[in-house]
C-alpha atoms as a PDB file:
ATOM      1  CA  UNK A   1      -5.392  19.360   5.879  1.00  0.00           C
ATOM      2  CA  UNK A   2      -6.376  18.576   2.233  1.00  0.00           C
ATOM      3  CA  UNK A   3      -3.667  16.605  -0.002  1.00  0.00           C
ATOM      4  CA  UNK A   4      -3.373  16.837  -3.712  1.00  0.00           C
ATOM      5  CA  UNK A   5      -3.551  13.184  -4.531  1.00  0.00           C
ATOM      6  CA  UNK A   6      -1.881  12.691  -8.048  1.00  0.00           C
ATOM      7  CA  UNK A   7      -0.493   9.944 -10.276  1.00  0.00           C
ATOM      8  CA  UNK A   8       3.190   9.586 -10.176  1.00  0.00           C
ATOM      9  CA  UNK A   9       5.091  11.896 -12.386  1.00  0.00           C
ATOM     10  CA  UNK A  10       8.770  11.373 -13.123  1.00  0.00           C
ATOM     11  CA  UNK A  11       9.488  14.837 -11.502  1.00  0.00           C
ATOM     12  CA  UNK A  12       8.261  13.659  -8.222  1.00  0.00           C
ATOM     13  CA  UNK A  13      11.159  11.141  -8.092  1.00  0.00           C
ATOM     14  CA  UNK A  14      13.947  13.130  -7.160  1.00  0.00           C
ATOM     15  CA  UNK A  15      11.648  14.202  -4.065  1.00  0.00           C
ATOM     16  CA  UNK A  16      10.555  11.674  -3.136  1.00  0.00           C
ATOM     17  CA  UNK A  17      13.898   9.532  -3.035  1.00  0.00           C
ATOM     18  CA  UNK A  18      15.629  12.351  -1.062  1.00  0.00           C
ATOM     19  CA  UNK A  19      12.370  12.649   1.124  1.00  0.00           C
ATOM     20  CA  UNK A  20      13.089   8.639   2.064  1.00  0.00           C
ATOM     21  CA  UNK A  21      16.615   8.747   2.287  1.00  0.00           C
ATOM     22  CA  UNK A  22      16.726  11.841   5.071  1.00  0.00           C
ATOM     23  CA  UNK A  23      14.316   9.335   6.913  1.00  0.00           C
ATOM     24  CA  UNK A  24      17.242   6.448   6.605  1.00  0.00           C
ATOM     25  CA  UNK A  25      14.355   4.195   4.884  1.00  0.00           C
ATOM     26  CA  UNK A  26      16.207   1.973   2.794  1.00  0.00           C
ATOM     27  CA  UNK A  27      15.121   0.897  -0.686  1.00  0.00           C
ATOM     28  CA  UNK A  28      12.762   3.533  -1.688  1.00  0.00           C
ATOM     29  CA  UNK A  29      15.317   4.635  -4.054  1.00  0.00           C
ATOM     30  CA  UNK A  30      15.096   5.701  -7.598  1.00  0.00           C
ATOM     31  CA  UNK A  31      15.035   2.074  -9.004  1.00  0.00           C
ATOM     32  CA  UNK A  32      11.688   1.649  -7.416  1.00  0.00           C
ATOM     33  CA  UNK A  33      10.174   4.844  -8.019  1.00  0.00           C
ATOM     34  CA  UNK A  34      11.397   4.551 -12.310  1.00  0.00           C
ATOM     35  CA  UNK A  35       9.765   0.711 -11.798  1.00  0.00           C
ATOM     36  CA  UNK A  36       6.667   2.018 -10.634  1.00  0.00           C
ATOM     37  CA  UNK A  37       6.284   4.795 -13.056  1.00  0.00           C
ATOM     38  CA  UNK A  38       6.701   2.228 -15.675  1.00  0.00           C
ATOM     39  CA  UNK A  39       4.589  -0.230 -14.189  1.00  0.00           C
ATOM     40  CA  UNK A  40       1.567   2.679 -13.882  1.00  0.00           C
ATOM     41  CA  UNK A  41       2.103   3.580 -17.530  1.00  0.00           C
ATOM     42  CA  UNK A  42       1.799  -0.230 -18.642  1.00  0.00           C
ATOM     43  CA  UNK A  43      -1.608  -0.071 -16.623  1.00  0.00           C
ATOM     44  CA  UNK A  44      -0.424  -3.002 -14.125  1.00  0.00           C
ATOM     45  CA  UNK A  45      -0.026  -0.197 -11.176  1.00  0.00           C
ATOM     46  CA  UNK A  46      -1.938   2.509 -10.057  1.00  0.00           C
ATOM     47  CA  UNK A  47       0.441   4.809  -7.965  1.00  0.00           C
ATOM     48  CA  UNK A  48      -0.959   7.826  -5.924  1.00  0.00           C
ATOM     49  CA  UNK A  49       1.237  10.277  -4.583  1.00  0.00           C
ATOM     50  CA  UNK A  50       0.196  12.663  -1.925  1.00  0.00           C
ATOM     51  CA  UNK A  51       1.284  16.360  -1.442  1.00  0.00           C
ATOM     52  CA  UNK A  52       0.725  19.335   1.014  1.00  0.00           C
ATOM     53  CA  UNK A  53       1.243  22.750   0.328  1.00  0.00           C
ATOM     54  CA  UNK A  54       3.869  21.399  -2.503  1.00  0.00           C
ATOM     55  CA  UNK A  55       5.501  18.696  -0.348  1.00  0.00           C
ATOM     56  CA  UNK A  56       5.620  15.054  -0.435  1.00  0.00           C
ATOM     57  CA  UNK A  57       3.592  13.324   2.044  1.00  0.00           C
ATOM     58  CA  UNK A  58       3.198  10.117   0.873  1.00  0.00           C
ATOM     59  CA  UNK A  59       1.761   7.798  -1.528  1.00  0.00           C
ATOM     60  CA  UNK A  60       0.276   4.224  -1.926  1.00  0.00           C
ATOM     61  CA  UNK A  61      -0.191   1.550  -4.818  1.00  0.00           C
ATOM     62  CA  UNK A  62      -3.025  -0.549  -6.110  1.00  0.00           C
ATOM     63  CA  UNK A  63      -1.712  -3.573  -8.194  1.00  0.00           C
ATOM     64  CA  UNK A  64      -4.171  -4.813 -10.402  1.00  0.00           C
ATOM     65  CA  UNK A  65      -2.276  -8.602 -10.086  1.00  0.00           C
ATOM     66  CA  UNK A  66      -1.765  -9.268  -6.567  1.00  0.00           C
ATOM     67  CA  UNK A  67       1.243 -10.891  -5.977  1.00  0.00           C
ATOM     68  CA  UNK A  68      -0.614 -13.018  -3.376  1.00  0.00           C
ATOM     69  CA  UNK A  69      -1.554 -16.224  -4.558  1.00  0.00           C
ATOM     70  CA  UNK A  70      -5.149 -15.929  -3.710  1.00  0.00           C
ATOM     71  CA  UNK A  71      -5.400 -12.445  -4.430  1.00  0.00           C
ATOM     72  CA  UNK A  72      -4.379 -13.215  -7.794  1.00  0.00           C
ATOM     73  CA  UNK A  73      -6.683 -16.235  -8.671  1.00  0.00           C
ATOM     74  CA  UNK A  74      -9.671 -14.281  -7.213  1.00  0.00           C
ATOM     75  CA  UNK A  75      -8.865 -11.006  -9.342  1.00  0.00           C
ATOM     76  CA  UNK A  76      -8.977  -9.080  -6.243  1.00  0.00           C
ATOM     77  CA  UNK A  77      -6.629  -6.008  -6.803  1.00  0.00           C
ATOM     78  CA  UNK A  78      -3.851  -4.983  -3.865  1.00  0.00           C
ATOM     79  CA  UNK A  79      -3.113  -1.740  -1.990  1.00  0.00           C
ATOM     80  CA  UNK A  80       0.587  -2.050  -1.627  1.00  0.00           C
ATOM     81  CA  UNK A  81       3.414  -0.243  -0.424  1.00  0.00           C
ATOM     82  CA  UNK A  82       1.300   2.507   1.433  1.00  0.00           C
ATOM     83  CA  UNK A  83       3.833   5.071   3.418  1.00  0.00           C
ATOM     84  CA  UNK A  84       2.909   8.168   4.706  1.00  0.00           C
ATOM     85  CA  UNK A  85       5.720  10.418   6.269  1.00  0.00           C
ATOM     86  CA  UNK A  86       6.207  10.735   9.898  1.00  0.00           C
ATOM     87  CA  UNK A  87       5.799  14.308  10.041  1.00  0.00           C
ATOM     88  CA  UNK A  88       2.457  13.978   8.032  1.00  0.00           C
ATOM     89  CA  UNK A  89       0.490  10.852   9.650  1.00  0.00           C
ATOM     90  CA  UNK A  90      -2.379  11.417  11.709  1.00  0.00           C
ATOM     91  CA  UNK A  91      -3.592  14.345   9.591  1.00  0.00           C
ATOM     92  CA  UNK A  92      -6.245  12.548   7.285  1.00  0.00           C
ATOM     93  CA  UNK A  93      -3.371  12.010   4.414  1.00  0.00           C
ATOM     94  CA  UNK A  94      -3.419   7.697   4.716  1.00  0.00           C
ATOM     95  CA  UNK A  95      -7.214   8.144   4.842  1.00  0.00           C
ATOM     96  CA  UNK A  96      -7.340  10.218   1.312  1.00  0.00           C
ATOM     97  CA  UNK A  97      -4.848   7.858   0.285  1.00  0.00           C
ATOM     98  CA  UNK A  98      -7.406   5.133   1.025  1.00  0.00           C
ATOM     99  CA  UNK A  99     -10.752   6.575  -0.395  1.00  0.00           C
ATOM    100  CA  UNK A 100      -8.677   7.128  -3.452  1.00  0.00           C
ATOM    101  CA  UNK A 101      -7.231   3.478  -3.742  1.00  0.00           C
ATOM    102  CA  UNK A 102     -10.662   2.295  -3.217  1.00  0.00           C
ATOM    103  CA  UNK A 103     -12.671   4.236  -5.211  1.00  0.00           C
ATOM    104  CA  UNK A 104      -9.858   3.320  -8.388  1.00  0.00           C
ATOM    105  CA  UNK A 105     -10.581  -0.452  -7.349  1.00  0.00           C
ATOM    106  CA  UNK A 106     -13.989   0.033  -7.146  1.00  0.00           C
ATOM    107  CA  UNK A 107     -14.060   0.878 -11.016  1.00  0.00           C
ATOM    108  CA  UNK A 108     -12.917  -2.267 -12.000  1.00  0.00           C
ATOM    109  CA  UNK A 109     -13.648  -5.008  -8.577  1.00  0.00           C
ATOM    110  CA  UNK A 110     -16.343  -5.397  -5.888  1.00  0.00           C
ATOM    111  CA  UNK A 111     -13.121  -6.373  -2.922  1.00  0.00           C
ATOM    112  CA  UNK A 112     -10.154  -4.512  -2.058  1.00  0.00           C
ATOM    113  CA  UNK A 113      -7.292  -6.479  -0.716  1.00  0.00           C
ATOM    114  CA  UNK A 114      -4.530  -5.424   1.668  1.00  0.00           C
ATOM    115  CA  UNK A 115      -1.173  -7.201   3.282  1.00  0.00           C
ATOM    116  CA  UNK A 116       0.201  -5.933   6.191  1.00  0.00           C
ATOM    117  CA  UNK A 117       3.158  -6.599   8.517  1.00  0.00           C
ATOM    118  CA  UNK A 118       3.207  -7.907  11.767  1.00  0.00           C
ATOM    119  CA  UNK A 119       5.897  -5.665  13.402  1.00  0.00           C
ATOM    120  CA  UNK A 120       4.636  -3.293  15.795  1.00  0.00           C
ATOM    121  CA  UNK A 121       6.195  -0.417  12.730  1.00  0.00           C
ATOM    122  CA  UNK A 122       2.929  -1.277  10.965  1.00  0.00           C
ATOM    123  CA  UNK A 123       0.508  -0.970  13.994  1.00  0.00           C
ATOM    124  CA  UNK A 124      -0.963   2.357  12.965  1.00  0.00           C
ATOM    125  CA  UNK A 125      -1.608   0.660   9.683  1.00  0.00           C
ATOM    126  CA  UNK A 126      -3.183  -2.317  11.208  1.00  0.00           C
ATOM    127  CA  UNK A 127      -5.759  -0.241  13.140  1.00  0.00           C
ATOM    128  CA  UNK A 128      -6.717   2.038   9.930  1.00  0.00           C
ATOM    129  CA  UNK A 129      -7.412  -1.326   8.112  1.00  0.00           C
ATOM    130  CA  UNK A 130     -10.012  -2.875  10.690  1.00  0.00           C
ATOM    131  CA  UNK A 131     -11.174   1.111  10.877  1.00  0.00           C
ATOM    132  CA  UNK A 132     -11.938   1.429   7.410  1.00  0.00           C
ATOM    133  CA  UNK A 133     -13.685  -2.425   7.264  1.00  0.00           C
ATOM    134  CA  UNK A 134     -10.912  -4.314   6.550  1.00  0.00           C
ATOM    135  CA  UNK A 135     -11.326  -8.074   7.438  1.00  0.00           C
ATOM    136  CA  UNK A 136      -8.455 -11.099   7.532  1.00  0.00           C
ATOM    137  CA  UNK A 137      -9.207 -12.870   4.845  1.00  0.00           C
ATOM    138  CA  UNK A 138      -8.698 -16.222   6.843  1.00  0.00           C
ATOM    139  CA  UNK A 139      -5.184 -17.714   5.812  1.00  0.00           C
ATOM    140  CA  UNK A 140      -3.651 -16.780   8.543  1.00  0.00           C
ATOM    141  CA  UNK A 141      -0.113 -15.904   8.408  1.00  0.00           C
ATOM    142  CA  UNK A 142       2.180 -15.390   5.544  1.00  0.00           C
ATOM    143  CA  UNK A 143       5.607 -15.219   4.906  1.00  0.00           C
ATOM    144  CA  UNK A 144       7.269 -14.726   1.347  1.00  0.00           C
ATOM    145  CA  UNK A 145       3.904 -15.454  -0.179  1.00  0.00           C
ATOM    146  CA  UNK A 146       3.495 -18.888   1.953  1.00  0.00           C
ATOM    147  CA  UNK A 147       1.737 -19.854   4.497  1.00  0.00           C
ATOM    148  CA  UNK A 148       3.019 -20.001   8.379  1.00  0.00           C
ATOM    149  CA  UNK A 149       2.863 -23.453   9.193  1.00  0.00           C
ATOM    150  CA  UNK A 150       1.447 -23.889  12.625  1.00  0.00           C
ATOM    151  CA  UNK A 151       4.806 -24.368  15.050  1.00  0.00           C
ATOM    152  CA  UNK A 152       7.345 -23.244  12.297  1.00  0.00           C
ATOM    153  CA  UNK A 153       9.847 -20.365  13.553  1.00  0.00           C
ATOM    154  CA  UNK A 154      10.327 -17.242  11.329  1.00  0.00           C
ATOM    155  CA  UNK A 155      11.682 -14.116  11.314  1.00  0.00           C
ATOM    156  CA  UNK A 156       9.144 -11.322  12.122  1.00  0.00           C
ATOM    157  CA  UNK A 157      10.304  -8.674   9.405  1.00  0.00           C
ATOM    158  CA  UNK A 158       8.420  -6.997   6.199  1.00  0.00           C
ATOM    159  CA  UNK A 159       7.514 -10.281   5.012  1.00  0.00           C
ATOM    160  CA  UNK A 160       5.354 -11.652   8.197  1.00  0.00           C
ATOM    161  CA  UNK A 161       2.586 -10.336   6.811  1.00  0.00           C
ATOM    162  CA  UNK A 162      -1.227 -10.893   7.453  1.00  0.00           C
ATOM    163  CA  UNK A 163      -3.921 -10.175   4.582  1.00  0.00           C
ATOM    164  CA  UNK A 164      -7.386  -8.271   4.800  1.00  0.00           C
ATOM    165  CA  UNK A 165     -10.149  -7.813   2.423  1.00  0.00           C
ATOM    166  CA  UNK A 166     -12.953  -5.298   1.776  1.00  0.00           C
ATOM    167  CA  UNK A 167     -16.475  -5.611   0.369  1.00  0.00           C
ATOM    168  CA  UNK A 168     -16.642  -1.849  -1.847  1.00  0.00           C
ATOM    169  CA  UNK A 169     -19.312  -0.194  -2.915  1.00  0.00           C
ATOM    170  CA  UNK A 170     -19.488  -0.041  -6.795  1.00  0.00           C
ATOM    171  CA  UNK A 171     -18.370   2.896  -8.151  1.00  0.00           C
END
C-alpha cells in the first residue's frame, strides 16, 4: 500500500477529528489539530498525515523542541503523537510515516528521539521502534517527564513512558 504523505492542512481537520471520534479516542479534537496546524505554521512542529485512496489513515509529529528535558537539552527532535488507525495497521503506513519523520529530522539532527507508553496498547509501537533501530536512552521509565524512582508506585497510563533514540544517516 502506498500512502500519500503530506503536511497537515486545515481542510484535513474535520475528517481527522471524525475518524478519531468514530473510534471513541478522546482528546483528538478540533482544538488539538488547530494547535498542531498553528505550530506547524510557526515552524516548531512538523505534522505528516497519511491518506490511502483519499481516506485518512494516520499521522505523526516531529517536535523540534521536545518536552522531555534530556532531549531538549541535547537538541534531539522528538517523534510525537504517532497514530495509525486500526483498519490501516500492518499495511506499511506506520513505516512510511516513520521513514518520512526520520528523513525530515536527518536534515537538522543526527539523532531522532521518541517516547513510547508502557501499556499493552503501545505494544505495536514498542516493537516498531526496536525493529527500526531505536534503543532506550538509558534513563529508565518516566512519568510526566520525570524519572520514576525505584520503589515508587505509579499509574500505568499514557504518561508512563520509556524514551528511545536512534542515530540517523545524514540527509
